[in-house]
């Protein structure tokens, strides 16, 4: 026959069982908390990346809409105005290229001098 346990022994045994269960529960919650934090950090970085990508795409979309709008205005111009606009663009482009050809070497020299000093 087994010896009957005293109330203090029973209490101590139950206390040990409860302490072990509590410790196991705390470890389980710590692990779960750590896993959730890691998932949060990963999701947050993904949200940040997608937010940045979204803003870049919105900028591209705005630029493309602006370009399309300008192109439509150009197409809707009367032929004479369009011809004048093209000629003006060609002249400005040529003047810009001439200016760059004349003063480009001087600007390069100044830039190099700035790098030296």
PDB file of N, CA and C in Angstrom:
ATOM      1  N   UNK A   1       0.802  -1.166   0.000  1.00  0.00           N
ATOM      2  CA  UNK A   1       0.000   0.000   0.000  1.00  0.00           C
ATOM      3  C   UNK A   1       0.858   1.248   0.000  1.00  0.00           C
ATOM      4  N   UNK A   2       0.341   2.211  -0.699  1.00  0.00           N
ATOM      5  CA  UNK A   2       1.119   3.435  -0.734  1.00  0.00           C
ATOM      6  C   UNK A   2       0.777   4.288   0.466  1.00  0.00           C
ATOM      7  N   UNK A   3       1.745   4.987   0.824  1.00  0.00           N
ATOM      8  CA  UNK A   3       1.604   5.816   2.002  1.00  0.00           C
ATOM      9  C   UNK A   3       0.747   7.032   1.657  1.00  0.00           C
ATOM     10  N   UNK A   4      -0.177   7.408   2.467  1.00  0.00           N
ATOM     11  CA  UNK A   4      -1.048   8.552   2.237  1.00  0.00           C
ATOM     12  C   UNK A   4      -0.217   9.836   2.344  1.00  0.00           C
ATOM     13  N   UNK A   5      -0.492  10.740   1.407  1.00  0.00           N
ATOM     14  CA  UNK A   5       0.266  11.982   1.398  1.00  0.00           C
ATOM     15  C   UNK A   5      -0.377  12.983   2.348  1.00  0.00           C
ATOM     16  N   UNK A   6       0.463  13.719   2.936  1.00  0.00           N
ATOM     17  CA  UNK A   6      -0.011  14.749   3.855  1.00  0.00           C
ATOM     18  C   UNK A   6      -0.443  15.961   3.042  1.00  0.00           C
ATOM     19  N   UNK A   7      -1.285  16.804   3.586  1.00  0.00           N
ATOM     20  CA  UNK A   7      -1.758  17.989   2.861  1.00  0.00           C
ATOM     21  C   UNK A   7      -0.613  18.899   2.412  1.00  0.00           C
ATOM     22  N   UNK A   8       0.412  19.046   3.221  1.00  0.00           N
ATOM     23  CA  UNK A   8       1.546  19.889   2.830  1.00  0.00           C
ATOM     24  C   UNK A   8       2.282  19.306   1.628  1.00  0.00           C
ATOM     25  N   UNK A   9       2.419  17.994   1.582  1.00  0.00           N
ATOM     26  CA  UNK A   9       3.076  17.327   0.446  1.00  0.00           C
ATOM     27  C   UNK A   9       2.249  17.496  -0.811  1.00  0.00           C
ATOM     28  N   UNK A  10       0.946  17.354  -0.685  1.00  0.00           N
ATOM     29  CA  UNK A  10       0.051  17.520  -1.834  1.00  0.00           C
ATOM     30  C   UNK A  10       0.135  18.964  -2.338  1.00  0.00           C
ATOM     31  N   UNK A  11       0.096  19.909  -1.401  1.00  0.00           N
ATOM     32  CA  UNK A  11       0.192  21.319  -1.758  1.00  0.00           C
ATOM     33  C   UNK A  11       1.513  21.603  -2.489  1.00  0.00           C
ATOM     34  N   UNK A  12       2.607  21.050  -1.962  1.00  0.00           N
ATOM     35  CA  UNK A  12       3.922  21.280  -2.578  1.00  0.00           C
ATOM     36  C   UNK A  12       3.992  20.661  -3.972  1.00  0.00           C
ATOM     37  N   UNK A  13       3.417  19.500  -4.146  1.00  0.00           N
ATOM     38  CA  UNK A  13       3.403  18.819  -5.454  1.00  0.00           C
ATOM     39  C   UNK A  13       2.586  19.627  -6.461  1.00  0.00           C
ATOM     40  N   UNK A  14       1.425  20.105  -6.030  1.00  0.00           N
ATOM     41  CA  UNK A  14       0.581  20.911  -6.915  1.00  0.00           C
ATOM     42  C   UNK A  14       1.289  22.230  -7.246  1.00  0.00           C
ATOM     43  N   UNK A  15       1.954  22.837  -6.250  1.00  0.00           N
ATOM     44  CA  UNK A  15       2.683  24.083  -6.477  1.00  0.00           C
ATOM     45  C   UNK A  15       3.782  23.875  -7.522  1.00  0.00           C
ATOM     46  N   UNK A  16       4.522  22.747  -7.419  1.00  0.00           N
ATOM     47  CA  UNK A  16       5.573  22.453  -8.394  1.00  0.00           C
ATOM     48  C   UNK A  16       4.993  22.265  -9.789  1.00  0.00           C
ATOM     49  N   UNK A  17       3.874  21.561  -9.884  1.00  0.00           N
ATOM     50  CA  UNK A  17       3.219  21.357 -11.175  1.00  0.00           C
ATOM     51  C   UNK A  17       2.762  22.694 -11.771  1.00  0.00           C
ATOM     52  N   UNK A  18       2.160  23.538 -10.925  1.00  0.00           N
ATOM     53  CA  UNK A  18       1.681  24.836 -11.394  1.00  0.00           C
ATOM     54  C   UNK A  18       2.858  25.740 -11.805  1.00  0.00           C
ATOM     55  N   UNK A  19       3.955  25.668 -11.027  1.00  0.00           N
ATOM     56  CA  UNK A  19       5.131  26.466 -11.368  1.00  0.00           C
ATOM     57  C   UNK A  19       5.708  26.019 -12.706  1.00  0.00           C
ATOM     58  N   UNK A  20       5.763  24.711 -12.924  1.00  0.00           N
ATOM     59  CA  UNK A  20       6.272  24.189 -14.190  1.00  0.00           C
ATOM     60  C   UNK A  20       5.363  24.605 -15.347  1.00  0.00           C
ATOM     61  N   UNK A  21       4.038  24.515 -15.136  1.00  0.00           N
ATOM     62  CA  UNK A  21       3.086  24.907 -16.173  1.00  0.00           C
ATOM     63  C   UNK A  21       3.204  26.412 -16.450  1.00  0.00           C
ATOM     64  N   UNK A  22       3.324  27.221 -15.381  1.00  0.00           N
ATOM     65  CA  UNK A  22       3.470  28.668 -15.543  1.00  0.00           C
ATOM     66  C   UNK A  22       4.741  29.001 -16.332  1.00  0.00           C
ATOM     67  N   UNK A  23       5.838  28.339 -15.968  1.00  0.00           N
ATOM     68  CA  UNK A  23       7.102  28.580 -16.659  1.00  0.00           C
ATOM     69  C   UNK A  23       6.981  28.210 -18.140  1.00  0.00           C
ATOM     70  N   UNK A  24       6.340  27.073 -18.410  1.00  0.00           N
ATOM     71  CA  UNK A  24       6.143  26.633 -19.791  1.00  0.00           C
ATOM     72  C   UNK A  24       5.266  27.646 -20.549  1.00  0.00           C
ATOM     73  N   UNK A  25       4.196  28.137 -19.910  1.00  0.00           N
ATOM     74  CA  UNK A  25       3.316  29.121 -20.543  1.00  0.00           C
ATOM     75  C   UNK A  25       4.073  30.418 -20.834  1.00  0.00           C
ATOM     76  N   UNK A  26       4.882  30.874 -19.882  1.00  0.00           N
ATOM     77  CA  UNK A  26       5.658  32.103 -20.074  1.00  0.00           C
ATOM     78  C   UNK A  26       6.620  31.944 -21.243  1.00  0.00           C
ATOM     79  N   UNK A  27       7.307  30.819 -21.323  1.00  0.00           N
ATOM     80  CA  UNK A  27       8.226  30.578 -22.442  1.00  0.00           C
ATOM     81  C   UNK A  27       7.465  30.546 -23.772  1.00  0.00           C
ATOM     82  N   UNK A  28       6.297  29.921 -23.746  1.00  0.00           N
ATOM     83  CA  UNK A  28       5.477  29.854 -24.954  1.00  0.00           C
ATOM     84  C   UNK A  28       5.061  31.263 -25.391  1.00  0.00           C
ATOM     85  N   UNK A  29       4.639  32.096 -24.450  1.00  0.00           N
ATOM     86  CA  UNK A  29       4.225  33.459 -24.781  1.00  0.00           C
ATOM     87  C   UNK A  29       5.410  34.302 -25.239  1.00  0.00           C
ATOM     88  N   UNK A  30       6.581  34.089 -24.645  1.00  0.00           N
ATOM     89  CA  UNK A  30       7.782  34.817 -25.082  1.00  0.00           C
ATOM     90  C   UNK A  30       8.126  34.460 -26.527  1.00  0.00           C
ATOM     91  N   UNK A  31       8.075  33.163 -26.835  1.00  0.00           N
ATOM     92  CA  UNK A  31       8.380  32.726 -28.200  1.00  0.00           C
ATOM     93  C   UNK A  31       7.356  33.294 -29.184  1.00  0.00           C
ATOM     94  N   UNK A  32       6.091  33.234 -28.792  1.00  0.00           N
ATOM     95  CA  UNK A  32       5.036  33.751 -29.657  1.00  0.00           C
ATOM     96  C   UNK A  32       5.203  35.260 -29.868  1.00  0.00           C
ATOM     97  N   UNK A  33       5.546  35.966 -28.801  1.00  0.00           N
ATOM     98  CA  UNK A  33       5.778  37.407 -28.895  1.00  0.00           C
ATOM     99  C   UNK A  33       6.951  37.705 -29.831  1.00  0.00           C
ATOM    100  N   UNK A  34       8.020  36.955 -29.695  1.00  0.00           N
ATOM    101  CA  UNK A  34       9.191  37.142 -30.554  1.00  0.00           C
ATOM    102  C   UNK A  34       8.843  36.864 -32.019  1.00  0.00           C
ATOM    103  N   UNK A  35       8.109  35.780 -32.253  1.00  0.00           N
ATOM    104  CA  UNK A  35       7.692  35.454 -33.621  1.00  0.00           C
ATOM    105  C   UNK A  35       6.810  36.556 -34.204  1.00  0.00           C
ATOM    106  N   UNK A  36       5.878  37.068 -33.388  1.00  0.00           N
ATOM    107  CA  UNK A  36       4.994  38.137 -33.861  1.00  0.00           C
ATOM    108  C   UNK A  36       5.786  39.411 -34.146  1.00  0.00           C
ATOM    109  N   UNK A  37       6.769  39.721 -33.316  1.00  0.00           N
ATOM    110  CA  UNK A  37       7.584  40.912 -33.541  1.00  0.00           C
ATOM    111  C   UNK A  37       8.372  40.777 -34.847  1.00  0.00           C
ATOM    112  N   UNK A  38       8.943  39.606 -35.073  1.00  0.00           N
ATOM    113  CA  UNK A  38       9.687  39.385 -36.315  1.00  0.00           C
ATOM    114  C   UNK A  38       8.780  39.506 -37.533  1.00  0.00           C
ATOM    115  N   UNK A  39       7.558  38.977 -37.410  1.00  0.00           N
ATOM    116  CA  UNK A  39       6.602  39.081 -38.511  1.00  0.00           C
ATOM    117  C   UNK A  39       6.219  40.548 -38.737  1.00  0.00           C
ATOM    118  N   UNK A  40       6.059  41.297 -37.640  1.00  0.00           N
ATOM    119  CA  UNK A  40       5.735  42.722 -37.756  1.00  0.00           C
ATOM    120  C   UNK A  40       6.854  43.478 -38.460  1.00  0.00           C
ATOM    121  N   UNK A  41       8.088  43.234 -38.052  1.00  0.00           N
ATOM    122  CA  UNK A  41       9.235  43.937 -38.659  1.00  0.00           C
ATOM    123  C   UNK A  41       9.316  43.610 -40.151  1.00  0.00           C
ATOM    124  N   UNK A  42       9.111  42.357 -40.484  1.00  0.00           N
ATOM    125  CA  UNK A  42       9.150  41.949 -41.894  1.00  0.00           C
ATOM    126  C   UNK A  42       8.021  42.628 -42.682  1.00  0.00           C
ATOM    127  N   UNK A  43       6.818  42.626 -42.119  1.00  0.00           N
ATOM    128  CA  UNK A  43       5.682  43.249 -42.797  1.00  0.00           C
ATOM    129  C   UNK A  43       5.884  44.751 -42.911  1.00  0.00           C
ATOM    130  N   UNK A  44       6.445  45.375 -41.880  1.00  0.00           N
ATOM    131  CA  UNK A  44       6.678  46.823 -41.901  1.00  0.00           C
ATOM    132  C   UNK A  44       7.686  47.198 -42.983  1.00  0.00           C
ATOM    133  N   UNK A  45       8.747  46.406 -43.116  1.00  0.00           N
ATOM    134  CA  UNK A  45       9.735  46.692 -44.161  1.00  0.00           C
ATOM    135  C   UNK A  45       9.116  46.506 -45.549  1.00  0.00           C
ATOM    136  N   UNK A  46       8.252  45.523 -45.681  1.00  0.00           N
ATOM    137  CA  UNK A  46       7.563  45.304 -46.963  1.00  0.00           C
ATOM    138  C   UNK A  46       6.625  46.476 -47.267  1.00  0.00           C
ATOM    139  N   UNK A  47       5.918  46.957 -46.246  1.00  0.00           N
ATOM    140  CA  UNK A  47       5.028  48.110 -46.430  1.00  0.00           C
ATOM    141  C   UNK A  47       5.835  49.339 -46.833  1.00  0.00           C
ATOM    142  N   UNK A  48       6.968  49.556 -46.174  1.00  0.00           N
ATOM    143  CA  UNK A  48       7.815  50.699 -46.520  1.00  0.00           C
ATOM    144  C   UNK A  48       8.309  50.604 -47.959  1.00  0.00           C
ATOM    145  N   UNK A  49       8.737  49.408 -48.352  1.00  0.00           N
ATOM    146  CA  UNK A  49       9.229  49.207 -49.723  1.00  0.00           C
ATOM    147  C   UNK A  49       8.112  49.467 -50.737  1.00  0.00           C
ATOM    148  N   UNK A  50       6.931  48.914 -50.450  1.00  0.00           N
ATOM    149  CA  UNK A  50       5.812  49.090 -51.373  1.00  0.00           C
ATOM    150  C   UNK A  50       5.330  50.541 -51.410  1.00  0.00           C
ATOM    151  N   UNK A  51       5.406  51.221 -50.289  1.00  0.00           N
ATOM    152  CA  UNK A  51       5.023  52.631 -50.243  1.00  0.00           C
ATOM    153  C   UNK A  51       5.970  53.464 -51.097  1.00  0.00           C
ATOM    154  N   UNK A  52       7.258  53.183 -50.987  1.00  0.00           N
ATOM    155  CA  UNK A  52       8.239  53.898 -51.805  1.00  0.00           C
ATOM    156  C   UNK A  52       8.016  53.608 -53.286  1.00  0.00           C
ATOM    157  N   UNK A  53       7.785  52.342 -53.602  1.00  0.00           N
ATOM    158  CA  UNK A  53       7.533  51.961 -55.001  1.00  0.00           C
ATOM    159  C   UNK A  53       6.265  52.638 -55.516  1.00  0.00           C
ATOM    160  N   UNK A  54       5.249  52.711 -54.664  1.00  0.00           N
ATOM    161  CA  UNK A  54       3.988  53.347 -55.034  1.00  0.00           C
ATOM    162  C   UNK A  54       4.194  54.820 -55.343  1.00  0.00           C
ATOM    163  N   UNK A  55       4.959  55.509 -54.510  1.00  0.00           N
ATOM    164  CA  UNK A  55       5.185  56.930 -54.765  1.00  0.00           C
ATOM    165  C   UNK A  55       5.984  57.141 -56.054  1.00  0.00           C
ATOM    166  N   UNK A  56       6.966  56.267 -56.323  1.00  0.00           N
ATOM    167  CA  UNK A  56       7.720  56.377 -57.572  1.00  0.00           C
ATOM    168  C   UNK A  56       6.805  56.163 -58.782  1.00  0.00           C
ATOM    169  N   UNK A  57       5.921  55.176 -58.667  1.00  0.00           N
ATOM    170  CA  UNK A  57       5.001  54.909 -59.780  1.00  0.00           C
ATOM    171  C   UNK A  57       4.021  56.063 -59.975  1.00  0.00           C
ATOM    172  N   UNK A  58       3.597  56.681 -58.871  1.00  0.00           N
ATOM    173  CA  UNK A  58       2.710  57.839 -58.995  1.00  0.00           C
ATOM    174  C   UNK A  58       3.431  58.989 -59.692  1.00  0.00           C
ATOM    175  N   UNK A  59       4.705  59.204 -59.375  1.00  0.00           N
ATOM    176  CA  UNK A  59       5.483  60.242 -60.049  1.00  0.00           C
ATOM    177  C   UNK A  59       5.596  59.944 -61.538  1.00  0.00           C
ATOM    178  N   UNK A  60       5.876  58.681 -61.863  1.00  0.00           N
ATOM    179  CA  UNK A  60       5.983  58.303 -63.275  1.00  0.00           C
ATOM    180  C   UNK A  60       4.655  58.519 -63.989  1.00  0.00           C
ATOM    181  N   UNK A  61       3.568  58.157 -63.331  1.00  0.00           N
ATOM    182  CA  UNK A  61       2.245  58.322 -63.925  1.00  0.00           C
ATOM    183  C   UNK A  61       1.945  59.794 -64.168  1.00  0.00           C
ATOM    184  N   UNK A  62       2.272  60.638 -63.190  1.00  0.00           N
ATOM    185  CA  UNK A  62       2.039  62.076 -63.360  1.00  0.00           C
ATOM    186  C   UNK A  62       2.875  62.619 -64.516  1.00  0.00           C
ATOM    187  N   UNK A  63       4.139  62.179 -64.614  1.00  0.00           N
ATOM    188  CA  UNK A  63       5.000  62.635 -65.705  1.00  0.00           C
ATOM    189  C   UNK A  63       4.448  62.174 -67.053  1.00  0.00           C
ATOM    190  N   UNK A  64       3.972  60.939 -67.110  1.00  0.00           N
ATOM    191  CA  UNK A  64       3.421  60.427 -68.366  1.00  0.00           C
ATOM    192  C   UNK A  64       2.131  61.153 -68.738  1.00  0.00           C
ATOM    193  N   UNK A  65       1.289  61.448 -67.735  1.00  0.00           N
ATOM    194  CA  UNK A  65       0.065  62.193 -68.028  1.00  0.00           C
ATOM    195  C   UNK A  65       0.404  63.583 -68.556  1.00  0.00           C
ATOM    196  N   UNK A  66       1.389  64.223 -67.946  1.00  0.00           N
ATOM    197  CA  UNK A  66       1.819  65.542 -68.402  1.00  0.00           C
ATOM    198  C   UNK A  66       2.340  65.460 -69.831  1.00  0.00           C
ATOM    199  N   UNK A  67       3.135  64.438 -70.101  1.00  0.00           N
ATOM    200  CA  UNK A  67       3.690  64.260 -71.443  1.00  0.00           C
ATOM    201  C   UNK A  67       2.568  64.026 -72.463  1.00  0.00           C
ATOM    202  N   UNK A  68       1.612  63.206 -72.107  1.00  0.00           N
ATOM    203  CA  UNK A  68       0.487  62.927 -73.014  1.00  0.00           C
ATOM    204  C   UNK A  68      -0.315  64.205 -73.257  1.00  0.00           C
ATOM    205  N   UNK A  69      -0.520  64.967 -72.181  1.00  0.00           N
ATOM    206  CA  UNK A  69      -1.274  66.219 -72.327  1.00  0.00           C
ATOM    207  C   UNK A  69      -0.546  67.191 -73.256  1.00  0.00           C
ATOM    208  N   UNK A  70       0.757  67.316 -73.094  1.00  0.00           N
ATOM    209  CA  UNK A  70       1.531  68.193 -73.979  1.00  0.00           C
ATOM    210  C   UNK A  70       1.485  67.702 -75.419  1.00  0.00           C
ATOM    211  N   UNK A  71       1.612  66.389 -75.571  1.00  0.00           N
ATOM    212  CA  UNK A  71       1.581  65.816 -76.914  1.00  0.00           C
ATOM    213  C   UNK A  71       0.228  66.072 -77.577  1.00  0.00           C
ATOM    214  N   UNK A  72      -0.845  65.933 -76.791  1.00  0.00           N
ATOM    215  CA  UNK A  72      -2.177  66.188 -77.349  1.00  0.00           C
ATOM    216  C   UNK A  72      -2.329  67.664 -77.725  1.00  0.00           C
ATOM    217  N   UNK A  73      -1.784  68.568 -76.883  1.00  0.00           N
ATOM    218  CA  UNK A  73      -1.835  69.993 -77.229  1.00  0.00           C
ATOM    219  C   UNK A  73      -1.057  70.254 -78.517  1.00  0.00           C
ATOM    220  N   UNK A  74       0.089  69.589 -78.645  1.00  0.00           N
ATOM    221  CA  UNK A  74       0.907  69.762 -79.841  1.00  0.00           C
ATOM    222  C   UNK A  74       0.176  69.248 -81.077  1.00  0.00           C
ATOM    223  N   UNK A  75      -0.482  68.112 -80.929  1.00  0.00           N
ATOM    224  CA  UNK A  75      -1.205  67.536 -82.074  1.00  0.00           C
ATOM    225  C   UNK A  75      -2.408  68.395 -82.444  1.00  0.00           C
ATOM    226  N   UNK A  76      -3.058  68.977 -81.432  1.00  0.00           N
ATOM    227  CA  UNK A  76      -4.256  69.780 -81.684  1.00  0.00           C
ATOM    228  C   UNK A  76      -3.938  71.176 -82.221  1.00  0.00           C
ATOM    229  N   UNK A  77      -2.652  71.554 -82.262  1.00  0.00           N
ATOM    230  CA  UNK A  77      -2.271  72.868 -82.790  1.00  0.00           C
ATOM    231  C   UNK A  77      -2.575  72.938 -84.283  1.00  0.00           C
ATOM    232  N   UNK A  78      -2.887  74.121 -84.732  1.00  0.00           N
ATOM    233  CA  UNK A  78      -2.989  74.280 -86.193  1.00  0.00           C
ATOM    234  C   UNK A  78      -1.614  74.025 -86.822  1.00  0.00           C
ATOM    235  N   UNK A  79      -1.620  73.630 -88.070  1.00  0.00           N
ATOM    236  CA  UNK A  79      -0.373  73.253 -88.750  1.00  0.00           C
ATOM    237  C   UNK A  79       0.662  74.365 -88.717  1.00  0.00           C
ATOM    238  N   UNK A  80       0.232  75.600 -88.908  1.00  0.00           N
ATOM    239  CA  UNK A  80       1.174  76.714 -88.956  1.00  0.00           C
ATOM    240  C   UNK A  80       1.828  76.923 -87.575  1.00  0.00           C
ATOM    241  N   UNK A  81       1.035  76.880 -86.519  1.00  0.00           N
ATOM    242  CA  UNK A  81       1.583  77.033 -85.161  1.00  0.00           C
ATOM    243  C   UNK A  81       2.549  75.899 -84.835  1.00  0.00           C
ATOM    244  N   UNK A  82       2.175  74.693 -85.229  1.00  0.00           N
ATOM    245  CA  UNK A  82       3.022  73.535 -84.967  1.00  0.00           C
ATOM    246  C   UNK A  82       4.355  73.696 -85.683  1.00  0.00           C
ATOM    247  N   UNK A  83       4.296  74.134 -86.941  1.00  0.00           N
ATOM    248  CA  UNK A  83       5.523  74.346 -87.717  1.00  0.00           C
ATOM    249  C   UNK A  83       6.394  75.399 -87.035  1.00  0.00           C
ATOM    250  N   UNK A  84       5.792  76.483 -86.564  1.00  0.00           N
ATOM    251  CA  UNK A  84       6.544  77.537 -85.878  1.00  0.00           C
ATOM    252  C   UNK A  84       7.160  77.002 -84.579  1.00  0.00           C
ATOM    253  N   UNK A  85       6.413  76.212 -83.851  1.00  0.00           N
ATOM    254  CA  UNK A  85       6.916  75.646 -82.587  1.00  0.00           C
ATOM    255  C   UNK A  85       8.101  74.720 -82.853  1.00  0.00           C
ATOM    256  N   UNK A  86       8.013  73.915 -83.898  1.00  0.00           N
ATOM    257  CA  UNK A  86       9.113  73.008 -84.241  1.00  0.00           C
ATOM    258  C   UNK A  86      10.346  73.816 -84.633  1.00  0.00           C
ATOM    259  N   UNK A  87      10.159  74.849 -85.437  1.00  0.00           N
ATOM    260  CA  UNK A  87      11.280  75.694 -85.852  1.00  0.00           C
ATOM    261  C   UNK A  87      11.920  76.393 -84.650  1.00  0.00           C
ATOM    262  N   UNK A  88      11.094  76.867 -83.730  1.00  0.00           N
ATOM    263  CA  UNK A  88      11.609  77.510 -82.512  1.00  0.00           C
ATOM    264  C   UNK A  88      12.428  76.517 -81.691  1.00  0.00           C
ATOM    265  N   UNK A  89      11.918  75.292 -81.564  1.00  0.00           N
ATOM    266  CA  UNK A  89      12.634  74.250 -80.815  1.00  0.00           C
ATOM    267  C   UNK A  89      13.978  73.957 -81.478  1.00  0.00           C
ATOM    268  N   UNK A  90      13.993  73.843 -82.792  1.00  0.00           N
ATOM    269  CA  UNK A  90      15.231  73.552 -83.520  1.00  0.00           C
ATOM    270  C   UNK A  90      16.246  74.671 -83.310  1.00  0.00           C
ATOM    271  N   UNK A  91      15.795  75.931 -83.379  1.00  0.00           N
ATOM    272  CA  UNK A  91      16.703  77.062 -83.173  1.00  0.00           C
ATOM    273  C   UNK A  91      17.274  77.066 -81.754  1.00  0.00           C
ATOM    274  N   UNK A  92      16.400  76.852 -80.756  1.00  0.00           N
ATOM    275  CA  UNK A  92      16.866  76.836 -79.366  1.00  0.00           C
ATOM    276  C   UNK A  92      17.833  75.687 -79.129  1.00  0.00           C
ATOM    277  N   UNK A  93      17.550  74.566 -79.723  1.00  0.00           N
ATOM    278  CA  UNK A  93      18.425  73.398 -79.581  1.00  0.00           C
ATOM    279  C   UNK A  93      19.789  73.688 -80.208  1.00  0.00           C
ATOM    280  N   UNK A  94      19.775  74.271 -81.390  1.00  0.00           N
ATOM    281  CA  UNK A  94      21.025  74.597 -82.078  1.00  0.00           C
ATOM    282  C   UNK A  94      21.824  75.625 -81.283  1.00  0.00           C
ATOM    283  N   UNK A  95      21.129  76.627 -80.735  1.00  0.00           N
ATOM    284  CA  UNK A  95      21.811  77.643 -79.950  1.00  0.00           C
ATOM    285  C   UNK A  95      22.422  77.016 -78.688  1.00  0.00           C
ATOM    286  N   UNK A  96      21.706  76.116 -78.072  1.00  0.00           N
ATOM    287  CA  UNK A  96      22.214  75.432 -76.880  1.00  0.00           C
ATOM    288  C   UNK A  96      23.441  74.596 -77.220  1.00  0.00           C
ATOM    289  N   UNK A  97      23.411  73.906 -78.340  1.00  0.00           N
ATOM    290  CA  UNK A  97      24.561  73.099 -78.762  1.00  0.00           C
ATOM    291  C   UNK A  97      25.750  73.985 -79.112  1.00  0.00           C
ATOM    292  N   UNK A  98      25.494  75.109 -79.779  1.00  0.00           N
ATOM    293  CA  UNK A  98      26.582  76.050 -80.107  1.00  0.00           C
ATOM    294  C   UNK A  98      27.210  76.606 -78.834  1.00  0.00           C
ATOM    295  N   UNK A  99      26.367  76.978 -77.875  1.00  0.00           N
ATOM    296  CA  UNK A  99      26.859  77.507 -76.606  1.00  0.00           C
ATOM    297  C   UNK A  99      27.716  76.462 -75.891  1.00  0.00           C
ATOM    298  N   UNK A 100      27.231  75.231 -75.875  1.00  0.00           N
ATOM    299  CA  UNK A 100      27.981  74.145 -75.234  1.00  0.00           C
ATOM    300  C   UNK A 100      29.299  73.898 -75.959  1.00  0.00           C
ATOM    301  N   UNK A 101      29.300  73.983 -77.281  1.00  0.00           N
ATOM    302  CA  UNK A 101      30.536  73.764 -78.051  1.00  0.00           C
ATOM    303  C   UNK A 101      31.543  74.879 -77.785  1.00  0.00           C
ATOM    304  N   UNK A 102      31.058  76.101 -77.650  1.00  0.00           N
ATOM    305  CA  UNK A 102      31.970  77.224 -77.434  1.00  0.00           C
ATOM    306  C   UNK A 102      32.517  77.266 -76.010  1.00  0.00           C
ATOM    307  N   UNK A 103      31.659  77.097 -75.034  1.00  0.00           N
ATOM    308  CA  UNK A 103      32.061  77.302 -73.653  1.00  0.00           C
ATOM    309  C   UNK A 103      32.256  76.007 -72.865  1.00  0.00           C
ATOM    310  N   UNK A 104      31.927  74.891 -73.457  1.00  0.00           N
ATOM    311  CA  UNK A 104      32.067  73.605 -72.775  1.00  0.00           C
ATOM    312  C   UNK A 104      33.463  73.338 -72.255  1.00  0.00           C
ATOM    313  N   UNK A 105      34.502  73.525 -73.082  1.00  0.00           N
ATOM    314  CA  UNK A 105      35.867  73.284 -72.600  1.00  0.00           C
ATOM    315  C   UNK A 105      36.238  74.174 -71.403  1.00  0.00           C
ATOM    316  N   UNK A 106      35.780  75.424 -71.429  1.00  0.00           N
ATOM    317  CA  UNK A 106      36.084  76.322 -70.309  1.00  0.00           C
ATOM    318  C   UNK A 106      35.408  75.839 -69.027  1.00  0.00           C
ATOM    319  N   UNK A 107      34.146  75.403 -69.152  1.00  0.00           N
ATOM    320  CA  UNK A 107      33.433  74.903 -67.980  1.00  0.00           C
ATOM    321  C   UNK A 107      34.084  73.628 -67.443  1.00  0.00           C
ATOM    322  N   UNK A 108      34.543  72.778 -68.331  1.00  0.00           N
ATOM    323  CA  UNK A 108      35.233  71.551 -67.889  1.00  0.00           C
ATOM    324  C   UNK A 108      36.514  71.900 -67.156  1.00  0.00           C
ATOM    325  N   UNK A 109      37.247  72.883 -67.682  1.00  0.00           N
ATOM    326  CA  UNK A 109      38.479  73.325 -67.042  1.00  0.00           C
ATOM    327  C   UNK A 109      38.174  73.892 -65.651  1.00  0.00           C
ATOM    328  N   UNK A 110      37.164  74.727 -65.546  1.00  0.00           N
ATOM    329  CA  UNK A 110      36.781  75.292 -64.243  1.00  0.00           C
ATOM    330  C   UNK A 110      36.359  74.196 -63.266  1.00  0.00           C
ATOM    331  N   UNK A 111      35.633  73.221 -63.740  1.00  0.00           N
ATOM    332  CA  UNK A 111      35.224  72.113 -62.875  1.00  0.00           C
ATOM    333  C   UNK A 111      36.434  71.337 -62.367  1.00  0.00           C
ATOM    334  N   UNK A 112      37.395  71.106 -63.252  1.00  0.00           N
ATOM    335  CA  UNK A 112      38.601  70.384 -62.835  1.00  0.00           C
ATOM    336  C   UNK A 112      39.397  71.214 -61.826  1.00  0.00           C
ATOM    337  N   UNK A 113      39.450  72.521 -62.046  1.00  0.00           N
ATOM    338  CA  UNK A 113      40.164  73.381 -61.117  1.00  0.00           C
ATOM    339  C   UNK A 113      39.481  73.381 -59.739  1.00  0.00           C
ATOM    340  N   UNK A 114      38.178  73.349 -59.742  1.00  0.00           N
ATOM    341  CA  UNK A 114      37.435  73.274 -58.469  1.00  0.00           C
ATOM    342  C   UNK A 114      37.731  71.975 -57.738  1.00  0.00           C
ATOM    343  N   UNK A 115      37.900  70.900 -58.488  1.00  0.00           N
ATOM    344  CA  UNK A 115      38.228  69.610 -57.867  1.00  0.00           C
ATOM    345  C   UNK A 115      39.617  69.614 -57.266  1.00  0.00           C
ATOM    346  N   UNK A 116      40.528  70.334 -57.916  1.00  0.00           N
ATOM    347  CA  UNK A 116      41.911  70.380 -57.433  1.00  0.00           C
ATOM    348  C   UNK A 116      41.991  71.196 -56.144  1.00  0.00           C
ATOM    349  N   UNK A 117      41.293  72.333 -56.126  1.00  0.00           N
ATOM    350  CA  UNK A 117      41.367  73.207 -54.949  1.00  0.00           C
ATOM    351  C   UNK A 117      40.318  72.808 -54.024  1.00  0.00           C
TER     352      UNK A 117
END
